[in-house]
């Protein structure tokens, strides 16, 4: 059995900056946001494949990183 390891850096092409109020924040593009929501729904229904579990973990890690960075950006003002 081969274990596939994904890295959050592979998602960098799916990231955009969005101006929210006076801040420029990191956001997922529409496709990645939709994919994350799809995977979360599949997880709720206990339908994730092993590959999708890894994919969701990868997206979740990037989401946590951006949440932290965006909070730091907002706190600087």
C-alpha atoms as a PDB file:
ATOM      1  CA  UNK A   1       0.000   0.000   0.000  1.00  0.00           C
ATOM      2  CA  UNK A   2       1.381   3.402  -1.004  1.00  0.00           C
ATOM      3  CA  UNK A   3       0.735   6.430   1.170  1.00  0.00           C
ATOM      4  CA  UNK A   4       0.182   9.660  -0.705  1.00  0.00           C
ATOM      5  CA  UNK A   5       1.277  12.763   1.148  1.00  0.00           C
ATOM      6  CA  UNK A   6      -0.088  16.059  -0.022  1.00  0.00           C
ATOM      7  CA  UNK A   7       1.346  19.400   0.926  1.00  0.00           C
ATOM      8  CA  UNK A   8      -0.657  22.592   1.484  1.00  0.00           C
ATOM      9  CA  UNK A   9       1.818  24.409  -0.769  1.00  0.00           C
ATOM     10  CA  UNK A  10       0.327  22.503  -3.703  1.00  0.00           C
ATOM     11  CA  UNK A  11      -2.774  24.702  -3.256  1.00  0.00           C
ATOM     12  CA  UNK A  12      -0.988  28.011  -3.793  1.00  0.00           C
ATOM     13  CA  UNK A  13      -2.434  28.340  -7.294  1.00  0.00           C
ATOM     14  CA  UNK A  14      -5.923  28.281  -5.751  1.00  0.00           C
ATOM     15  CA  UNK A  15      -5.380  31.302  -3.527  1.00  0.00           C
ATOM     16  CA  UNK A  16      -6.402  34.890  -4.114  1.00  0.00           C
ATOM     17  CA  UNK A  17      -6.300  38.177  -2.250  1.00  0.00           C
ATOM     18  CA  UNK A  18      -9.602  39.885  -1.555  1.00  0.00           C
ATOM     19  CA  UNK A  19     -10.186  43.348  -0.186  1.00  0.00           C
ATOM     20  CA  UNK A  20     -12.527  43.170   2.798  1.00  0.00           C
ATOM     21  CA  UNK A  21     -13.216  46.567   4.328  1.00  0.00           C
ATOM     22  CA  UNK A  22      -9.727  48.098   4.518  1.00  0.00           C
ATOM     23  CA  UNK A  23      -7.874  44.786   4.556  1.00  0.00           C
ATOM     24  CA  UNK A  24      -6.407  42.586   1.843  1.00  0.00           C
ATOM     25  CA  UNK A  25      -7.021  39.037   3.031  1.00  0.00           C
ATOM     26  CA  UNK A  26      -6.049  35.612   1.756  1.00  0.00           C
ATOM     27  CA  UNK A  27      -8.993  33.601   0.417  1.00  0.00           C
ATOM     28  CA  UNK A  28      -9.562  30.373  -1.491  1.00  0.00           C
ATOM     29  CA  UNK A  29     -10.691  30.792  -5.076  1.00  0.00           C
ATOM     30  CA  UNK A  30     -14.259  29.721  -5.856  1.00  0.00           C
ATOM     31  CA  UNK A  31     -13.243  26.265  -7.074  1.00  0.00           C
ATOM     32  CA  UNK A  32     -11.230  25.396  -3.966  1.00  0.00           C
ATOM     33  CA  UNK A  33     -13.929  26.791  -1.670  1.00  0.00           C
ATOM     34  CA  UNK A  34     -16.545  24.657  -3.429  1.00  0.00           C
ATOM     35  CA  UNK A  35     -14.295  21.584  -3.216  1.00  0.00           C
ATOM     36  CA  UNK A  36     -13.779  22.093   0.513  1.00  0.00           C
ATOM     37  CA  UNK A  37     -17.531  22.401   1.052  1.00  0.00           C
ATOM     38  CA  UNK A  38     -18.151  19.273  -1.041  1.00  0.00           C
ATOM     39  CA  UNK A  39     -15.599  17.298   0.966  1.00  0.00           C
ATOM     40  CA  UNK A  40     -17.085  18.517   4.254  1.00  0.00           C
ATOM     41  CA  UNK A  41     -20.539  17.359   3.138  1.00  0.00           C
ATOM     42  CA  UNK A  42     -19.131  13.979   2.126  1.00  0.00           C
ATOM     43  CA  UNK A  43     -17.396  13.749   5.508  1.00  0.00           C
ATOM     44  CA  UNK A  44     -20.691  14.439   7.321  1.00  0.00           C
ATOM     45  CA  UNK A  45     -22.259  11.594   5.339  1.00  0.00           C
ATOM     46  CA  UNK A  46     -19.233   9.358   6.086  1.00  0.00           C
ATOM     47  CA  UNK A  47     -18.552   8.952   2.346  1.00  0.00           C
ATOM     48  CA  UNK A  48     -14.936  10.163   2.055  1.00  0.00           C
ATOM     49  CA  UNK A  49     -12.430   7.969   0.296  1.00  0.00           C
ATOM     50  CA  UNK A  50      -8.963   7.685   1.860  1.00  0.00           C
ATOM     51  CA  UNK A  51      -7.644  10.070  -0.813  1.00  0.00           C
ATOM     52  CA  UNK A  52     -10.388  12.584  -0.022  1.00  0.00           C
ATOM     53  CA  UNK A  53      -9.546  12.405   3.695  1.00  0.00           C
ATOM     54  CA  UNK A  54      -5.994  13.460   2.849  1.00  0.00           C
ATOM     55  CA  UNK A  55      -7.230  16.160   0.469  1.00  0.00           C
ATOM     56  CA  UNK A  56      -9.556  17.581   3.126  1.00  0.00           C
ATOM     57  CA  UNK A  57      -6.730  17.582   5.678  1.00  0.00           C
ATOM     58  CA  UNK A  58      -4.541  19.476   3.197  1.00  0.00           C
ATOM     59  CA  UNK A  59      -7.226  22.087   2.520  1.00  0.00           C
ATOM     60  CA  UNK A  60      -7.993  22.359   6.229  1.00  0.00           C
ATOM     61  CA  UNK A  61      -4.342  22.991   7.051  1.00  0.00           C
ATOM     62  CA  UNK A  62      -4.173  25.791   4.476  1.00  0.00           C
ATOM     63  CA  UNK A  63      -7.424  27.223   5.847  1.00  0.00           C
ATOM     64  CA  UNK A  64      -5.967  27.289   9.383  1.00  0.00           C
ATOM     65  CA  UNK A  65      -2.795  28.990   8.124  1.00  0.00           C
ATOM     66  CA  UNK A  66      -4.779  31.680   6.290  1.00  0.00           C
ATOM     67  CA  UNK A  67      -7.087  32.238   9.235  1.00  0.00           C
ATOM     68  CA  UNK A  68      -4.048  32.884  11.412  1.00  0.00           C
ATOM     69  CA  UNK A  69      -2.326  35.156   8.886  1.00  0.00           C
ATOM     70  CA  UNK A  70      -5.527  37.105   8.197  1.00  0.00           C
ATOM     71  CA  UNK A  71      -6.082  37.585  11.946  1.00  0.00           C
ATOM     72  CA  UNK A  72      -2.536  38.929  12.251  1.00  0.00           C
ATOM     73  CA  UNK A  73      -3.134  41.350   9.363  1.00  0.00           C
ATOM     74  CA  UNK A  74      -6.341  42.644  10.933  1.00  0.00           C
ATOM     75  CA  UNK A  75      -4.708  42.980  14.360  1.00  0.00           C
ATOM     76  CA  UNK A  76      -1.994  45.251  12.930  1.00  0.00           C
ATOM     77  CA  UNK A  77      -4.481  48.029  12.238  1.00  0.00           C
END
